Structure formats: C-alpha cells, structure tokens
Amino acid sequence: MKKAKDKATSDAVEILHRRYVRGDAKKLAELEAIRADNAVARKIYDLRTKAGLSQRELAKLVGTSASAICRLEDADYEGHSLAMLNRIAEALDRKVEIWFVPLRHDSPRPVLA
C-alpha cells in the first residue's frame, strides 16, 4: 500500500516537525513537556508585567528572591511547584486552575470519576 504524500510546505517549523518529531512518541512527549513549561513561564511573565511589577517587586510580595522569579519565568525551567504558583497567583490577586485535556482526539479513554 502506498503511503500518502505530505502536502508541500515552506513553513520551516512544519518541515522540522516532519523531519525530526512526527511519528516519534518520545520526541512528541518531550515537545509537549517543553510547551507546558514555556506556557507556565510565559503566563507568570505576562501576569507580572501586566501588574506593572518588576521581578524584585513580585518576589517581595511572594516571599522569595528575584532570582527565583527569574527562574520561574525561564522557559527552560522545569521545577514549577503548585505551591509556588499558588503564592504567585495570590500575590497577583489570581487563582491557579488546572485543566486535564485529552492528548489525542482519535483515541478516547474512559474518564473515571
């Protein structure tokens, strides 16, 4: 049976994805973890800057160091704790919500209550 040919693209990200990630479950999992860490870092940064706070000012409100806030805003940082996220949220008059979303839409799994 013939393999379906991909539609031609000039999108560099899509080309790299096709070449290095697609079809490799381990690489796909790593990519999702990187995206999650980046999303948390970006959210902390966005909330802090919208509040008009420096890293040092937020750190004082949270009860930590400016270097800790800097690490939390780094997309490569993997040590986000729920406790620290809750402290940051409280300092910024927010709350943390956690969502569990399906990884794939084509393979539904039973949800246990």
N, C-alpha and C. Protein backbone atom coordinates (compact mmCIF):
# COMPACT_ATOMS: atom_id res chain seq x y z
N MET A 1 0.84 -1.18 0.00
CA MET A 1 0.00 0.00 0.00
C MET A 1 0.89 1.24 0.00
N LYS A 2 0.50 2.22 -0.79
CA LYS A 2 1.28 3.45 -0.88
C LYS A 2 1.03 4.35 0.32
N LYS A 3 2.08 5.00 0.74
CA LYS A 3 1.99 5.97 1.82
C LYS A 3 1.51 7.30 1.24
N ALA A 4 0.58 7.96 1.94
CA ALA A 4 0.09 9.25 1.47
C ALA A 4 1.22 10.27 1.55
N LYS A 5 1.39 11.03 0.50
CA LYS A 5 2.45 12.03 0.46
C LYS A 5 1.97 13.30 1.15
N ASP A 6 2.89 13.91 1.92
CA ASP A 6 2.57 15.16 2.61
C ASP A 6 2.40 16.29 1.60
N LYS A 7 1.51 17.19 1.94
CA LYS A 7 1.33 18.39 1.14
C LYS A 7 2.59 19.23 1.25
N ALA A 8 3.06 19.76 0.15
CA ALA A 8 4.27 20.60 0.15
C ALA A 8 4.06 21.83 1.03
N THR A 9 5.12 22.21 1.72
CA THR A 9 5.04 23.38 2.58
C THR A 9 6.37 24.11 2.58
N SER A 10 6.31 25.40 2.84
CA SER A 10 7.54 26.18 3.02
C SER A 10 7.66 26.65 4.47
N ASP A 11 6.76 26.17 5.32
CA ASP A 11 6.77 26.51 6.75
C ASP A 11 7.92 25.76 7.42
N ALA A 12 8.93 26.50 7.85
CA ALA A 12 10.13 25.90 8.42
C ALA A 12 9.81 25.04 9.65
N VAL A 13 8.91 25.50 10.50
CA VAL A 13 8.56 24.74 11.70
C VAL A 13 7.91 23.41 11.31
N GLU A 14 7.03 23.45 10.33
CA GLU A 14 6.38 22.22 9.86
C GLU A 14 7.39 21.27 9.23
N ILE A 15 8.32 21.79 8.48
CA ILE A 15 9.35 20.95 7.86
C ILE A 15 10.19 20.26 8.94
N LEU A 16 10.61 21.02 9.96
CA LEU A 16 11.40 20.45 11.05
C LEU A 16 10.59 19.43 11.83
N HIS A 17 9.31 19.73 12.05
CA HIS A 17 8.45 18.79 12.77
C HIS A 17 8.35 17.47 11.99
N ARG A 18 8.11 17.56 10.70
CA ARG A 18 8.00 16.36 9.88
C ARG A 18 9.30 15.55 9.91
N ARG A 19 10.42 16.24 9.85
CA ARG A 19 11.71 15.57 9.75
C ARG A 19 12.17 14.94 11.07
N TYR A 20 11.96 15.66 12.19
CA TYR A 20 12.57 15.24 13.45
C TYR A 20 11.63 14.77 14.54
N VAL A 21 10.35 15.08 14.46
CA VAL A 21 9.46 14.79 15.58
C VAL A 21 8.33 13.84 15.22
N ARG A 22 7.67 14.08 14.12
CA ARG A 22 6.49 13.30 13.77
C ARG A 22 6.77 11.80 13.76
N GLY A 23 5.87 11.08 14.41
CA GLY A 23 5.99 9.64 14.45
C GLY A 23 6.86 9.10 15.57
N ASP A 24 7.53 9.97 16.30
CA ASP A 24 8.41 9.54 17.40
C ASP A 24 7.73 9.90 18.71
N ALA A 25 7.13 8.92 19.36
CA ALA A 25 6.36 9.16 20.59
C ALA A 25 7.18 9.83 21.68
N LYS A 26 8.43 9.42 21.82
CA LYS A 26 9.29 10.01 22.85
C LYS A 26 9.54 11.49 22.57
N LYS A 27 9.86 11.82 21.33
CA LYS A 27 10.11 13.22 20.98
C LYS A 27 8.84 14.05 21.10
N LEU A 28 7.70 13.47 20.74
CA LEU A 28 6.43 14.19 20.88
C LEU A 28 6.14 14.49 22.35
N ALA A 29 6.41 13.54 23.23
CA ALA A 29 6.20 13.75 24.67
C ALA A 29 7.14 14.83 25.20
N GLU A 30 8.39 14.81 24.77
CA GLU A 30 9.34 15.84 25.18
C GLU A 30 8.90 17.21 24.71
N LEU A 31 8.41 17.28 23.48
CA LEU A 31 7.94 18.55 22.94
C LEU A 31 6.76 19.08 23.73
N GLU A 32 5.84 18.22 24.12
CA GLU A 32 4.69 18.64 24.92
C GLU A 32 5.13 19.15 26.29
N ALA A 33 6.12 18.50 26.90
CA ALA A 33 6.63 18.95 28.19
C ALA A 33 7.28 20.31 28.06
N ILE A 34 8.03 20.52 27.00
CA ILE A 34 8.67 21.82 26.75
C ILE A 34 7.60 22.90 26.56
N ARG A 35 6.58 22.58 25.80
CA ARG A 35 5.50 23.55 25.57
C ARG A 35 4.80 23.91 26.87
N ALA A 36 4.59 22.92 27.75
CA ALA A 36 3.93 23.18 29.03
C ALA A 36 4.79 24.08 29.91
N ASP A 37 6.09 23.79 30.00
CA ASP A 37 6.99 24.65 30.79
C ASP A 37 7.02 26.07 30.24
N ASN A 38 7.05 26.18 28.93
CA ASN A 38 7.06 27.50 28.30
C ASN A 38 5.77 28.26 28.59
N ALA A 39 4.65 27.57 28.55
CA ALA A 39 3.35 28.23 28.80
C ALA A 39 3.28 28.76 30.23
N VAL A 40 3.78 28.00 31.19
CA VAL A 40 3.77 28.46 32.59
C VAL A 40 4.68 29.67 32.74
N ALA A 41 5.89 29.59 32.19
CA ALA A 41 6.83 30.71 32.28
C ALA A 41 6.25 31.97 31.65
N ARG A 42 5.66 31.82 30.48
CA ARG A 42 5.09 32.96 29.76
C ARG A 42 3.93 33.57 30.56
N LYS A 43 3.11 32.74 31.17
CA LYS A 43 1.96 33.22 31.94
C LYS A 43 2.42 34.03 33.15
N ILE A 44 3.43 33.53 33.86
CA ILE A 44 3.95 34.26 35.01
C ILE A 44 4.49 35.61 34.57
N TYR A 45 5.28 35.61 33.50
CA TYR A 45 5.84 36.86 32.97
C TYR A 45 4.73 37.84 32.58
N ASP A 46 3.74 37.34 31.82
CA ASP A 46 2.65 38.20 31.36
C ASP A 46 1.87 38.80 32.53
N LEU A 47 1.56 37.98 33.52
CA LEU A 47 0.81 38.48 34.68
C LEU A 47 1.62 39.52 35.46
N ARG A 48 2.91 39.25 35.64
CA ARG A 48 3.77 40.18 36.37
C ARG A 48 3.88 41.51 35.65
N THR A 49 4.12 41.48 34.35
CA THR A 49 4.30 42.73 33.61
C THR A 49 2.98 43.50 33.49
N LYS A 50 1.86 42.80 33.35
CA LYS A 50 0.56 43.48 33.31
C LYS A 50 0.25 44.15 34.65
N ALA A 51 0.78 43.58 35.73
CA ALA A 51 0.59 44.17 37.05
C ALA A 51 1.57 45.32 37.28
N GLY A 52 2.49 45.53 36.34
CA GLY A 52 3.45 46.62 36.46
C GLY A 52 4.52 46.36 37.51
N LEU A 53 4.83 45.11 37.75
CA LEU A 53 5.80 44.75 38.78
C LEU A 53 7.12 44.29 38.16
N SER A 54 8.21 44.60 38.85
CA SER A 54 9.50 44.04 38.48
C SER A 54 9.60 42.66 39.11
N GLN A 55 10.59 41.90 38.70
CA GLN A 55 10.80 40.59 39.32
C GLN A 55 11.08 40.75 40.81
N ARG A 56 11.84 41.76 41.16
CA ARG A 56 12.16 42.01 42.57
C ARG A 56 10.90 42.33 43.37
N GLU A 57 10.01 43.15 42.79
CA GLU A 57 8.77 43.52 43.49
C GLU A 57 7.85 42.31 43.68
N LEU A 58 7.73 41.49 42.64
CA LEU A 58 6.90 40.29 42.77
C LEU A 58 7.51 39.34 43.79
N ALA A 59 8.81 39.20 43.76
CA ALA A 59 9.49 38.32 44.70
C ALA A 59 9.19 38.74 46.14
N LYS A 60 9.20 40.03 46.40
CA LYS A 60 8.92 40.52 47.75
C LYS A 60 7.49 40.18 48.16
N LEU A 61 6.55 40.34 47.24
CA LEU A 61 5.15 40.01 47.53
C LEU A 61 4.97 38.51 47.80
N VAL A 62 5.73 37.70 47.09
CA VAL A 62 5.60 36.25 47.18
C VAL A 62 6.40 35.69 48.36
N GLY A 63 7.42 36.42 48.78
CA GLY A 63 8.27 35.94 49.86
C GLY A 63 9.40 35.05 49.35
N THR A 64 9.96 35.43 48.21
CA THR A 64 11.07 34.68 47.63
C THR A 64 12.08 35.67 47.07
N SER A 65 13.05 35.17 46.34
CA SER A 65 14.07 36.04 45.76
C SER A 65 13.74 36.39 44.31
N ALA A 66 14.33 37.48 43.84
CA ALA A 66 14.14 37.88 42.45
C ALA A 66 14.71 36.81 41.51
N SER A 67 15.78 36.14 41.93
CA SER A 67 16.35 35.10 41.09
C SER A 67 15.40 33.91 40.95
N ALA A 68 14.61 33.65 41.99
CA ALA A 68 13.61 32.57 41.90
C ALA A 68 12.54 32.94 40.88
N ILE A 69 12.10 34.18 40.90
CA ILE A 69 11.10 34.64 39.91
C ILE A 69 11.71 34.56 38.51
N CYS A 70 12.95 34.96 38.39
CA CYS A 70 13.64 34.88 37.10
C CYS A 70 13.66 33.44 36.59
N ARG A 71 13.97 32.50 37.45
CA ARG A 71 13.98 31.08 37.05
C ARG A 71 12.59 30.63 36.62
N LEU A 72 11.56 31.04 37.37
CA LEU A 72 10.20 30.63 37.05
C LEU A 72 9.74 31.18 35.70
N GLU A 73 10.29 32.32 35.29
CA GLU A 73 9.94 32.93 34.01
C GLU A 73 10.81 32.42 32.86
N ASP A 74 11.73 31.52 33.16
CA ASP A 74 12.60 30.94 32.14
C ASP A 74 11.89 29.74 31.52
N ALA A 75 11.75 29.75 30.20
CA ALA A 75 11.03 28.67 29.50
C ALA A 75 11.71 27.32 29.68
N ASP A 76 12.99 27.29 30.02
CA ASP A 76 13.71 26.03 30.21
C ASP A 76 13.57 25.47 31.62
N TYR A 77 12.96 26.22 32.53
CA TYR A 77 12.84 25.78 33.91
C TYR A 77 11.76 24.71 34.03
N GLU A 78 12.07 23.62 34.72
CA GLU A 78 11.14 22.50 34.84
C GLU A 78 10.63 22.29 36.25
N GLY A 79 10.95 23.18 37.19
CA GLY A 79 10.63 22.93 38.58
C GLY A 79 9.45 23.70 39.14
N HIS A 80 8.49 24.04 38.31
CA HIS A 80 7.32 24.77 38.80
C HIS A 80 6.56 23.93 39.82
N SER A 81 6.39 24.47 41.01
CA SER A 81 5.61 23.74 42.01
C SER A 81 4.24 24.41 42.14
N LEU A 82 3.27 23.60 42.46
CA LEU A 82 1.92 24.13 42.64
C LEU A 82 1.89 25.12 43.80
N ALA A 83 2.65 24.86 44.84
CA ALA A 83 2.70 25.76 45.99
C ALA A 83 3.20 27.15 45.57
N MET A 84 4.28 27.18 44.78
CA MET A 84 4.82 28.47 44.34
C MET A 84 3.86 29.16 43.38
N LEU A 85 3.25 28.41 42.50
CA LEU A 85 2.29 29.02 41.57
C LEU A 85 1.12 29.62 42.34
N ASN A 86 0.68 28.95 43.40
CA ASN A 86 -0.41 29.49 44.23
C ASN A 86 0.02 30.77 44.94
N ARG A 87 1.27 30.82 45.41
CA ARG A 87 1.77 32.03 46.07
C ARG A 87 1.83 33.19 45.09
N ILE A 88 2.28 32.93 43.87
CA ILE A 88 2.33 33.98 42.85
C ILE A 88 0.92 34.43 42.50
N ALA A 89 0.03 33.49 42.32
CA ALA A 89 -1.36 33.82 41.99
C ALA A 89 -1.97 34.70 43.08
N GLU A 90 -1.77 34.33 44.32
CA GLU A 90 -2.33 35.11 45.43
C GLU A 90 -1.76 36.53 45.44
N ALA A 91 -0.46 36.66 45.20
CA ALA A 91 0.17 37.98 45.18
C ALA A 91 -0.38 38.85 44.06
N LEU A 92 -0.84 38.22 42.99
CA LEU A 92 -1.38 38.96 41.84
C LEU A 92 -2.91 38.94 41.80
N ASP A 93 -3.53 38.58 42.92
CA ASP A 93 -4.98 38.53 43.04
C ASP A 93 -5.60 37.62 41.98
N ARG A 94 -5.03 36.46 41.88
CA ARG A 94 -5.49 35.44 40.92
C ARG A 94 -5.62 34.11 41.64
N LYS A 95 -6.10 33.12 40.92
CA LYS A 95 -6.09 31.75 41.42
C LYS A 95 -5.58 30.85 40.32
N VAL A 96 -5.02 29.74 40.72
CA VAL A 96 -4.50 28.76 39.78
C VAL A 96 -5.60 27.76 39.46
N GLU A 97 -5.77 27.47 38.18
CA GLU A 97 -6.69 26.43 37.75
C GLU A 97 -5.90 25.42 36.93
N ILE A 98 -6.21 24.16 37.12
CA ILE A 98 -5.53 23.11 36.38
C ILE A 98 -6.56 22.39 35.52
N TRP A 99 -6.22 22.20 34.27
CA TRP A 99 -7.10 21.51 33.32
C TRP A 99 -6.41 20.25 32.84
N PHE A 100 -7.16 19.19 32.72
CA PHE A 100 -6.67 17.96 32.12
C PHE A 100 -7.37 17.83 30.77
N VAL A 101 -6.58 17.87 29.72
CA VAL A 101 -7.14 17.82 28.37
C VAL A 101 -6.64 16.56 27.66
N PRO A 102 -7.43 16.04 26.73
CA PRO A 102 -7.00 14.83 26.03
C PRO A 102 -5.75 15.09 25.19
N LEU A 103 -4.88 14.09 25.13
CA LEU A 103 -3.68 14.21 24.31
C LEU A 103 -4.02 14.05 22.83
N ARG A 104 -4.92 13.09 22.57
CA ARG A 104 -5.33 12.85 21.18
C ARG A 104 -6.84 12.76 21.14
N HIS A 105 -7.41 13.29 20.10
CA HIS A 105 -8.86 13.23 19.96
C HIS A 105 -9.32 11.93 19.32
N ASP A 106 -8.39 11.18 18.71
CA ASP A 106 -8.76 9.97 17.99
C ASP A 106 -8.79 8.72 18.86
N SER A 107 -8.35 8.83 20.13
CA SER A 107 -8.37 7.64 20.98
C SER A 107 -8.95 8.00 22.35
N PRO A 108 -10.29 8.06 22.43
CA PRO A 108 -10.89 8.42 23.71
C PRO A 108 -10.67 7.33 24.76
N ARG A 109 -10.43 7.77 25.97
CA ARG A 109 -10.25 6.86 27.09
C ARG A 109 -11.36 7.12 28.08
N PRO A 110 -11.76 6.09 28.78
CA PRO A 110 -12.83 6.31 29.78
C PRO A 110 -12.33 7.23 30.89
N VAL A 111 -13.19 8.12 31.33
CA VAL A 111 -12.88 9.03 32.42
C VAL A 111 -13.44 8.44 33.70
N LEU A 112 -12.59 8.23 34.67
CA LEU A 112 -13.00 7.68 35.94
C LEU A 112 -13.36 8.82 36.88
N ALA A 113 -14.51 8.73 37.50
CA ALA A 113 -14.94 9.79 38.41
C ALA A 113 -14.40 9.58 39.79
